[in-house]
PDB file of all heavy atoms in Angstrom:
ATOM      1  N   VAL A   1      22.601 -23.207  16.968  1.00  0.00           N
ATOM      2  CA  VAL A   1      21.684 -22.064  17.032  1.00  0.00           C
ATOM      3  C   VAL A   1      22.385 -20.853  17.652  1.00  0.00           C
ATOM      4  O   VAL A   1      22.961 -20.945  18.730  1.00  0.00           O
ATOM      5  CB  VAL A   1      20.429 -22.414  17.856  1.00  0.00           C
ATOM      6  CG1 VAL A   1      19.480 -21.219  17.896  1.00  0.00           C
ATOM      7  CG2 VAL A   1      19.740 -23.634  17.269  1.00  0.00           C
ATOM      8  N   ILE A   2      22.360 -19.731  16.922  1.00  0.00           N
ATOM      9  CA  ILE A   2      22.930 -18.477  17.416  1.00  0.00           C
ATOM     10  C   ILE A   2      21.917 -17.363  17.201  1.00  0.00           C
ATOM     11  O   ILE A   2      21.375 -17.218  16.106  1.00  0.00           O
ATOM     12  CB  ILE A   2      24.250 -18.120  16.686  1.00  0.00           C
ATOM     13  CG1 ILE A   2      25.278 -19.228  16.825  1.00  0.00           C
ATOM     14  CG2 ILE A   2      24.816 -16.808  17.231  1.00  0.00           C
ATOM     15  CD1 ILE A   2      26.562 -18.974  16.037  1.00  0.00           C
ATOM     16  N   TYR A   3      21.662 -16.581  18.247  1.00  0.00           N
ATOM     17  CA  TYR A   3      20.769 -15.426  18.142  1.00  0.00           C
ATOM     18  C   TYR A   3      21.588 -14.148  18.012  1.00  0.00           C
ATOM     19  O   TYR A   3      22.703 -14.047  18.532  1.00  0.00           O
ATOM     20  CB  TYR A   3      19.871 -15.324  19.377  1.00  0.00           C
ATOM     21  CG  TYR A   3      18.723 -16.308  19.370  1.00  0.00           C
ATOM     22  CD1 TYR A   3      18.864 -17.572  19.937  1.00  0.00           C
ATOM     23  CD2 TYR A   3      17.504 -15.968  18.804  1.00  0.00           C
ATOM     24  CE1 TYR A   3      17.813 -18.467  19.937  1.00  0.00           C
ATOM     25  CE2 TYR A   3      16.449 -16.865  18.798  1.00  0.00           C
ATOM     26  CZ  TYR A   3      16.604 -18.116  19.364  1.00  0.00           C
ATOM     27  OH  TYR A   3      15.567 -18.998  19.356  1.00  0.00           O
ATOM     28  N   TYR A   4      20.998 -13.165  17.318  1.00  0.00           N
ATOM     29  CA  TYR A   4      21.646 -11.877  17.104  1.00  0.00           C
ATOM     30  C   TYR A   4      20.658 -10.771  17.441  1.00  0.00           C
ATOM     31  O   TYR A   4      19.486 -10.823  17.046  1.00  0.00           O
ATOM     32  CB  TYR A   4      22.098 -11.727  15.650  1.00  0.00           C
ATOM     33  CG  TYR A   4      22.869 -12.914  15.110  1.00  0.00           C
ATOM     34  CD1 TYR A   4      22.205 -13.967  14.481  1.00  0.00           C
ATOM     35  CD2 TYR A   4      24.245 -12.976  15.222  1.00  0.00           C
ATOM     36  CE1 TYR A   4      22.902 -15.055  13.986  1.00  0.00           C
ATOM     37  CE2 TYR A   4      24.960 -14.062  14.731  1.00  0.00           C
ATOM     38  CZ  TYR A   4      24.285 -15.105  14.120  1.00  0.00           C
ATOM     39  OH  TYR A   4      24.973 -16.182  13.634  1.00  0.00           O
ATOM     40  N   SER A   5      21.130  -9.769  18.138  1.00  0.00           N
ATOM     41  CA  SER A   5      20.271  -8.642  18.489  1.00  0.00           C
ATOM     42  C   SER A   5      20.231  -7.623  17.355  1.00  0.00           C
ATOM     43  O   SER A   5      21.062  -7.648  16.441  1.00  0.00           O
ATOM     44  CB  SER A   5      20.771  -7.976  19.774  1.00  0.00           C
ATOM     45  OG  SER A   5      22.095  -7.517  19.615  1.00  0.00           O
ATOM     46  N   SER A   6      19.281  -6.721  17.427  1.00  0.00           N
ATOM     47  CA  SER A   6      19.065  -5.751  16.360  1.00  0.00           C
ATOM     48  C   SER A   6      20.296  -4.896  16.075  1.00  0.00           C
ATOM     49  O   SER A   6      20.590  -4.573  14.915  1.00  0.00           O
ATOM     50  CB  SER A   6      17.873  -4.850  16.721  1.00  0.00           C
ATOM     51  OG  SER A   6      17.637  -3.902  15.725  1.00  0.00           O
ATOM     52  N   ASP A   7      21.038  -4.542  17.131  1.00  0.00           N
ATOM     53  CA  ASP A   7      22.190  -3.661  16.927  1.00  0.00           C
ATOM     54  C   ASP A   7      23.368  -4.349  16.247  1.00  0.00           C
ATOM     55  O   ASP A   7      24.350  -3.707  15.885  1.00  0.00           O
ATOM     56  CB  ASP A   7      22.628  -3.057  18.264  1.00  0.00           C
ATOM     57  CG  ASP A   7      23.034  -4.105  19.285  1.00  0.00           C
ATOM     58  OD1 ASP A   7      22.871  -5.317  19.010  1.00  0.00           O
ATOM     59  OD2 ASP A   7      23.506  -3.732  20.367  1.00  0.00           O
ATOM     60  N   GLN A   8      23.297  -5.671  16.036  1.00  0.00           N
ATOM     61  CA  GLN A   8      24.354  -6.399  15.334  1.00  0.00           C
ATOM     62  C   GLN A   8      24.099  -6.489  13.830  1.00  0.00           C
ATOM     63  O   GLN A   8      24.988  -6.894  13.080  1.00  0.00           O
ATOM     64  CB  GLN A   8      24.465  -7.834  15.866  1.00  0.00           C
ATOM     65  CG  GLN A   8      24.959  -7.980  17.285  1.00  0.00           C
ATOM     66  CD  GLN A   8      24.995  -9.435  17.701  1.00  0.00           C
ATOM     67  OE1 GLN A   8      24.122  -9.912  18.410  1.00  0.00           O
ATOM     68  NE2 GLN A   8      26.007 -10.163  17.238  1.00  0.00           N
ATOM     69  N   ILE A   9      22.909  -6.118  13.382  1.00  0.00           N
ATOM     70  CA  ILE A   9      22.458  -6.471  12.038  1.00  0.00           C
ATOM     71  C   ILE A   9      22.321  -5.235  11.148  1.00  0.00           C
ATOM     72  O   ILE A   9      21.693  -4.246  11.531  1.00  0.00           O
ATOM     73  CB  ILE A   9      21.096  -7.191  12.097  1.00  0.00           C
ATOM     74  CG1 ILE A   9      21.149  -8.355  13.098  1.00  0.00           C
ATOM     75  CG2 ILE A   9      20.701  -7.699  10.716  1.00  0.00           C
ATOM     76  CD1 ILE A   9      19.792  -8.840  13.526  1.00  0.00           C
ATOM     77  N   GLU A  10      22.899  -5.318   9.963  1.00  0.00           N
ATOM     78  CA  GLU A  10      22.699  -4.310   8.925  1.00  0.00           C
ATOM     79  C   GLU A  10      21.947  -4.960   7.767  1.00  0.00           C
ATOM     80  O   GLU A  10      22.359  -5.999   7.257  1.00  0.00           O
ATOM     81  CB  GLU A  10      24.034  -3.780   8.397  1.00  0.00           C
ATOM     82  CG  GLU A  10      24.808  -2.927   9.386  1.00  0.00           C
ATOM     83  CD  GLU A  10      26.127  -2.439   8.795  1.00  0.00           C
ATOM     84  OE1 GLU A  10      26.432  -2.820   7.634  1.00  0.00           O
ATOM     85  OE2 GLU A  10      26.842  -1.692   9.476  1.00  0.00           O
ATOM     86  N   LEU A  11      20.838  -4.358   7.367  1.00  0.00           N
ATOM     87  CA  LEU A  11      20.090  -4.811   6.197  1.00  0.00           C
ATOM     88  C   LEU A  11      19.869  -3.611   5.293  1.00  0.00           C
ATOM     89  O   LEU A  11      19.121  -2.693   5.644  1.00  0.00           O
ATOM     90  CB  LEU A  11      18.750  -5.434   6.614  1.00  0.00           C
ATOM     91  CG  LEU A  11      17.784  -5.773   5.471  1.00  0.00           C
ATOM     92  CD1 LEU A  11      18.414  -6.768   4.501  1.00  0.00           C
ATOM     93  CD2 LEU A  11      16.464  -6.297   6.021  1.00  0.00           C
ATOM     94  N   ASP A  12      20.519  -3.602   4.145  1.00  0.00           N
ATOM     95  CA  ASP A  12      20.441  -2.485   3.200  1.00  0.00           C
ATOM     96  C   ASP A  12      19.883  -2.967   1.869  1.00  0.00           C
ATOM     97  O   ASP A  12      20.342  -3.985   1.324  1.00  0.00           O
ATOM     98  CB  ASP A  12      21.826  -1.872   2.963  1.00  0.00           C
ATOM     99  CG  ASP A  12      22.376  -1.181   4.199  1.00  0.00           C
ATOM    100  OD1 ASP A  12      21.580  -0.622   4.973  1.00  0.00           O
ATOM    101  OD2 ASP A  12      23.610  -1.218   4.405  1.00  0.00           O
ATOM    102  N   PHE A  13      18.909  -2.225   1.355  1.00  0.00           N
ATOM    103  CA  PHE A  13      18.345  -2.487   0.041  1.00  0.00           C
ATOM    104  C   PHE A  13      18.914  -1.477  -0.950  1.00  0.00           C
ATOM    105  O   PHE A  13      18.961  -0.279  -0.660  1.00  0.00           O
ATOM    106  CB  PHE A  13      16.819  -2.387   0.077  1.00  0.00           C
ATOM    107  CG  PHE A  13      16.154  -3.454   0.891  1.00  0.00           C
ATOM    108  CD1 PHE A  13      15.927  -3.275   2.253  1.00  0.00           C
ATOM    109  CD2 PHE A  13      15.760  -4.646   0.306  1.00  0.00           C
ATOM    110  CE1 PHE A  13      15.311  -4.257   3.011  1.00  0.00           C
ATOM    111  CE2 PHE A  13      15.151  -5.638   1.062  1.00  0.00           C
ATOM    112  CZ  PHE A  13      14.921  -5.446   2.406  1.00  0.00           C
ATOM    113  N   MET A  14      19.329  -1.954  -2.124  1.00  0.00           N
ATOM    114  CA  MET A  14      19.918  -1.097  -3.148  1.00  0.00           C
ATOM    115  C   MET A  14      18.856  -0.715  -4.176  1.00  0.00           C
ATOM    116  O   MET A  14      18.256  -1.584  -4.813  1.00  0.00           O
ATOM    117  CB  MET A  14      21.084  -1.808  -3.839  1.00  0.00           C
ATOM    118  CG  MET A  14      22.116  -2.358  -2.875  1.00  0.00           C
ATOM    119  SD  MET A  14      22.831  -1.091  -1.798  1.00  0.00           S
ATOM    120  CE  MET A  14      23.500  -2.109  -0.483  1.00  0.00           C
ATOM    121  N   TRP A  15      18.647   0.576  -4.332  1.00  0.00           N
ATOM    122  CA  TRP A  15      17.513   1.074  -5.114  1.00  0.00           C
ATOM    123  C   TRP A  15      17.790   1.018  -6.612  1.00  0.00           C
ATOM    124  O   TRP A  15      18.837   1.435  -7.086  1.00  0.00           O
ATOM    125  CB  TRP A  15      17.198   2.508  -4.715  1.00  0.00           C
ATOM    126  CG  TRP A  15      15.783   2.883  -5.050  1.00  0.00           C
ATOM    127  CD1 TRP A  15      15.329   3.457  -6.193  1.00  0.00           C
ATOM    128  CD2 TRP A  15      14.635   2.665  -4.226  1.00  0.00           C
ATOM    129  NE1 TRP A  15      13.963   3.617  -6.140  1.00  0.00           N
ATOM    130  CE2 TRP A  15      13.515   3.144  -4.948  1.00  0.00           C
ATOM    131  CE3 TRP A  15      14.440   2.116  -2.956  1.00  0.00           C
ATOM    132  CZ2 TRP A  15      12.216   3.096  -4.437  1.00  0.00           C
ATOM    133  CZ3 TRP A  15      13.154   2.066  -2.454  1.00  0.00           C
ATOM    134  CH2 TRP A  15      12.061   2.550  -3.182  1.00  0.00           C
ATOM    135  N   SER A  16      16.834   0.489  -7.362  1.00  0.00           N
ATOM    136  CA  SER A  16      16.892   0.484  -8.824  1.00  0.00           C
ATOM    137  C   SER A  16      15.472   0.423  -9.356  1.00  0.00           C
ATOM    138  O   SER A  16      14.537   0.058  -8.629  1.00  0.00           O
ATOM    139  CB  SER A  16      17.698  -0.717  -9.344  1.00  0.00           C
ATOM    140  OG  SER A  16      17.019  -1.935  -9.068  1.00  0.00           O
ATOM    141  N   ASP A  17      15.304   0.767 -10.635  1.00  0.00           N
ATOM    142  CA  ASP A  17      13.973   0.681 -11.232  1.00  0.00           C
ATOM    143  C   ASP A  17      13.470  -0.751 -11.275  1.00  0.00           C
ATOM    144  O   ASP A  17      12.271  -1.001 -11.185  1.00  0.00           O
ATOM    145  CB  ASP A  17      13.999   1.268 -12.647  1.00  0.00           C
ATOM    146  CG  ASP A  17      13.935   2.783 -12.655  1.00  0.00           C
ATOM    147  OD1 ASP A  17      13.842   3.369 -11.553  1.00  0.00           O
ATOM    148  OD2 ASP A  17      13.978   3.384 -13.745  1.00  0.00           O
ATOM    149  N   THR A  18      14.388  -1.710 -11.399  1.00  0.00           N
ATOM    150  CA  THR A  18      13.990  -3.114 -11.421  1.00  0.00           C
ATOM    151  C   THR A  18      13.357  -3.545 -10.104  1.00  0.00           C
ATOM    152  O   THR A  18      12.368  -4.278 -10.085  1.00  0.00           O
ATOM    153  CB  THR A  18      15.206  -4.008 -11.733  1.00  0.00           C
ATOM    154  OG1 THR A  18      15.616  -3.764 -13.075  1.00  0.00           O
ATOM    155  CG2 THR A  18      14.873  -5.485 -11.566  1.00  0.00           C
ATOM    156  N   MET A  19      13.917  -3.100  -8.973  1.00  0.00           N
ATOM    157  CA  MET A  19      13.451  -3.553  -7.662  1.00  0.00           C
ATOM    158  C   MET A  19      12.473  -2.571  -7.001  1.00  0.00           C
ATOM    159  O   MET A  19      11.921  -2.872  -5.937  1.00  0.00           O
ATOM    160  CB  MET A  19      14.657  -3.768  -6.735  1.00  0.00           C
ATOM    161  CG  MET A  19      15.641  -4.817  -7.218  1.00  0.00           C
ATOM    162  SD  MET A  19      14.883  -6.431  -7.559  1.00  0.00           S
ATOM    163  CE  MET A  19      14.096  -6.787  -5.991  1.00  0.00           C
ATOM    164  N   LYS A  20      12.267  -1.423  -7.585  1.00  0.00           N
ATOM    165  CA  LYS A  20      11.472  -0.368  -6.959  1.00  0.00           C
ATOM    166  C   LYS A  20      10.100  -0.848  -6.509  1.00  0.00           C
ATOM    167  O   LYS A  20       9.691  -0.620  -5.358  1.00  0.00           O
ATOM    168  CB  LYS A  20      11.326   0.799  -7.936  1.00  0.00           C
ATOM    169  CG  LYS A  20      10.429   1.918  -7.433  1.00  0.00           C
ATOM    170  CD  LYS A  20      10.310   3.035  -8.472  1.00  0.00           C
ATOM    171  CE  LYS A  20       9.349   4.119  -7.972  1.00  0.00           C
ATOM    172  NZ  LYS A  20       9.212   5.215  -8.961  1.00  0.00           N
ATOM    173  N   GLU A  21       9.346  -1.499  -7.391  1.00  0.00           N
ATOM    174  CA  GLU A  21       7.977  -1.905  -7.060  1.00  0.00           C
ATOM    175  C   GLU A  21       7.947  -2.865  -5.879  1.00  0.00           C
ATOM    176  O   GLU A  21       7.123  -2.724  -4.969  1.00  0.00           O
ATOM    177  CB  GLU A  21       7.315  -2.542  -8.276  1.00  0.00           C
ATOM    178  CG  GLU A  21       5.862  -2.935  -8.037  1.00  0.00           C
ATOM    179  CD  GLU A  21       5.203  -3.525  -9.268  1.00  0.00           C
ATOM    180  OE1 GLU A  21       5.863  -3.576 -10.335  1.00  0.00           O
ATOM    181  OE2 GLU A  21       4.035  -3.935  -9.180  1.00  0.00           O
ATOM    182  N   GLN A  22       8.847  -3.851  -5.879  1.00  0.00           N
ATOM    183  CA  GLN A  22       8.872  -4.812  -4.770  1.00  0.00           C
ATOM    184  C   GLN A  22       9.273  -4.128  -3.462  1.00  0.00           C
ATOM    185  O   GLN A  22       8.708  -4.418  -2.410  1.00  0.00           O
ATOM    186  CB  GLN A  22       9.843  -5.946  -5.086  1.00  0.00           C
ATOM    187  CG  GLN A  22       9.403  -6.819  -6.246  1.00  0.00           C
ATOM    188  CD  GLN A  22      10.313  -8.004  -6.459  1.00  0.00           C
ATOM    189  OE1 GLN A  22      10.395  -8.898  -5.624  1.00  0.00           O
ATOM    190  NE2 GLN A  22      11.018  -8.020  -7.578  1.00  0.00           N
ATOM    191  N   PHE A  23      10.256  -3.242  -3.520  1.00  0.00           N
ATOM    192  CA  PHE A  23      10.692  -2.540  -2.313  1.00  0.00           C
ATOM    193  C   PHE A  23       9.557  -1.702  -1.728  1.00  0.00           C
ATOM    194  O   PHE A  23       9.369  -1.659  -0.507  1.00  0.00           O
ATOM    195  CB  PHE A  23      11.886  -1.636  -2.625  1.00  0.00           C
ATOM    196  CG  PHE A  23      13.172  -2.384  -2.872  1.00  0.00           C
ATOM    197  CD1 PHE A  23      14.291  -1.716  -3.353  1.00  0.00           C
ATOM    198  CD2 PHE A  23      13.281  -3.745  -2.633  1.00  0.00           C
ATOM    199  CE1 PHE A  23      15.485  -2.388  -3.578  1.00  0.00           C
ATOM    200  CE2 PHE A  23      14.462  -4.432  -2.856  1.00  0.00           C
ATOM    201  CZ  PHE A  23      15.570  -3.750  -3.335  1.00  0.00           C
ATOM    202  N   GLU A  24       8.814  -1.040  -2.585  1.00  0.00           N
ATOM    203  CA  GLU A  24       7.740  -0.163  -2.109  1.00  0.00           C
ATOM    204  C   GLU A  24       6.553  -0.958  -1.577  1.00  0.00           C
ATOM    205  O   GLU A  24       6.041  -0.677  -0.491  1.00  0.00           O
ATOM    206  CB  GLU A  24       7.290   0.764  -3.243  1.00  0.00           C
ATOM    207  CG  GLU A  24       8.314   1.820  -3.623  1.00  0.00           C
ATOM    208  CD  GLU A  24       7.866   2.679  -4.785  1.00  0.00           C
ATOM    209  OE1 GLU A  24       6.956   2.234  -5.551  1.00  0.00           O
ATOM    210  OE2 GLU A  24       8.409   3.784  -4.962  1.00  0.00           O
ATOM    211  N   GLN A  25       6.107  -1.955  -2.337  1.00  0.00           N
ATOM    212  CA  GLN A  25       4.889  -2.668  -1.973  1.00  0.00           C
ATOM    213  C   GLN A  25       5.091  -3.691  -0.864  1.00  0.00           C
ATOM    214  O   GLN A  25       4.204  -3.896  -0.031  1.00  0.00           O
ATOM    215  CB  GLN A  25       4.300  -3.358  -3.203  1.00  0.00           C
ATOM    216  CG  GLN A  25       3.788  -2.392  -4.258  1.00  0.00           C
ATOM    217  CD  GLN A  25       3.017  -3.103  -5.364  1.00  0.00           C
ATOM    218  OE1 GLN A  25       2.805  -4.313  -5.325  1.00  0.00           O
ATOM    219  NE2 GLN A  25       2.599  -2.343  -6.365  1.00  0.00           N
ATOM    220  N   LEU A  26       6.258  -4.335  -0.850  1.00  0.00           N
ATOM    221  CA  LEU A  26       6.469  -5.423   0.098  1.00  0.00           C
ATOM    222  C   LEU A  26       7.197  -4.995   1.365  1.00  0.00           C
ATOM    223  O   LEU A  26       6.945  -5.548   2.439  1.00  0.00           O
ATOM    224  CB  LEU A  26       7.249  -6.556  -0.574  1.00  0.00           C
ATOM    225  CG  LEU A  26       6.599  -7.161  -1.819  1.00  0.00           C
ATOM    226  CD1 LEU A  26       7.505  -8.217  -2.423  1.00  0.00           C
ATOM    227  CD2 LEU A  26       5.236  -7.742  -1.481  1.00  0.00           C
ATOM    228  N   PHE A  27       8.082  -4.025   1.250  1.00  0.00           N
ATOM    229  CA  PHE A  27       8.886  -3.627   2.401  1.00  0.00           C
ATOM    230  C   PHE A  27       8.571  -2.214   2.894  1.00  0.00           C
ATOM    231  O   PHE A  27       9.156  -1.764   3.875  1.00  0.00           O
ATOM    232  CB  PHE A  27      10.376  -3.733   2.071  1.00  0.00           C
ATOM    233  CG  PHE A  27      10.823  -5.130   1.747  1.00  0.00           C
ATOM    234  CD1 PHE A  27      10.935  -5.544   0.429  1.00  0.00           C
ATOM    235  CD2 PHE A  27      11.106  -6.045   2.747  1.00  0.00           C
ATOM    236  CE1 PHE A  27      11.343  -6.831   0.113  1.00  0.00           C
ATOM    237  CE2 PHE A  27      11.511  -7.335   2.452  1.00  0.00           C
ATOM    238  CZ  PHE A  27      11.631  -7.730   1.126  1.00  0.00           C
ATOM    239  N   GLY A  28       7.673  -1.517   2.204  1.00  0.00           N
ATOM    240  CA  GLY A  28       7.295  -0.183   2.643  1.00  0.00           C
ATOM    241  C   GLY A  28       8.413   0.833   2.536  1.00  0.00           C
ATOM    242  O   GLY A  28       8.444   1.810   3.294  1.00  0.00           O
ATOM    243  N   LEU A  29       9.332   0.644   1.592  1.00  0.00           N
ATOM    244  CA  LEU A  29      10.458   1.550   1.436  1.00  0.00           C
ATOM    245  C   LEU A  29      10.119   2.675   0.464  1.00  0.00           C
ATOM    246  O   LEU A  29       9.239   2.540  -0.390  1.00  0.00           O
ATOM    247  CB  LEU A  29      11.687   0.799   0.927  1.00  0.00           C
ATOM    248  CG  LEU A  29      12.202  -0.344   1.800  1.00  0.00           C
ATOM    249  CD1 LEU A  29      13.362  -1.044   1.109  1.00  0.00           C
ATOM    250  CD2 LEU A  29      12.631   0.168   3.167  1.00  0.00           C
ATOM    251  N   THR A  30      10.820   3.777   0.591  1.00  0.00           N
ATOM    252  CA  THR A  30      10.727   4.879  -0.357  1.00  0.00           C
ATOM    253  C   THR A  30      12.120   5.192  -0.881  1.00  0.00           C
ATOM    254  O   THR A  30      13.120   4.956  -0.200  1.00  0.00           O
ATOM    255  CB  THR A  30      10.123   6.139   0.296  1.00  0.00           C
ATOM    256  OG1 THR A  30      10.926   6.495   1.442  1.00  0.00           O
ATOM    257  CG2 THR A  30       8.689   5.887   0.742  1.00  0.00           C
ATOM    258  N   GLU A  31      12.182   5.727  -2.087  1.00  0.00           N
ATOM    259  CA  GLU A  31      13.481   6.009  -2.687  1.00  0.00           C
ATOM    260  C   GLU A  31      14.231   7.056  -1.882  1.00  0.00           C
ATOM    261  O   GLU A  31      13.690   8.122  -1.573  1.00  0.00           O
ATOM    262  CB  GLU A  31      13.313   6.494  -4.119  1.00  0.00           C
ATOM    263  CG  GLU A  31      14.633   6.752  -4.822  1.00  0.00           C
ATOM    264  CD  GLU A  31      14.472   7.077  -6.280  1.00  0.00           C
ATOM    265  OE1 GLU A  31      13.314   7.107  -6.763  1.00  0.00           O
ATOM    266  OE2 GLU A  31      15.497   7.299  -6.951  1.00  0.00           O
ATOM    267  N   PRO A  32      15.469   6.776  -1.506  1.00  0.00           N
ATOM    268  CA  PRO A  32      16.263   7.746  -0.738  1.00  0.00           C
ATOM    269  C   PRO A  32      16.449   9.037  -1.535  1.00  0.00           C
ATOM    270  O   PRO A  32      16.646   9.006  -2.752  1.00  0.00           O
ATOM    271  CB  PRO A  32      17.592   7.023  -0.528  1.00  0.00           C
ATOM    272  CG  PRO A  32      17.291   5.576  -0.729  1.00  0.00           C
ATOM    273  CD  PRO A  32      16.204   5.530  -1.750  1.00  0.00           C
ATOM    274  N   SER A  33      16.397  10.165  -0.841  1.00  0.00           N
ATOM    275  CA  SER A  33      16.592  11.458  -1.497  1.00  0.00           C
ATOM    276  C   SER A  33      17.214  12.426  -0.500  1.00  0.00           C
ATOM    277  O   SER A  33      17.269  12.163   0.700  1.00  0.00           O
ATOM    278  CB  SER A  33      15.259  12.008  -2.017  1.00  0.00           C
ATOM    279  OG  SER A  33      14.343  12.197  -0.944  1.00  0.00           O
TER     280      SER A  33
END
């Protein structure tokens, strides 16, 4: 078991029309502009 703090973690979502609906509805993301 290893714990990691927030400052150690990068989570990036890559925007596309295929994933747009899931990103918006499930993760509350908006398209970068």
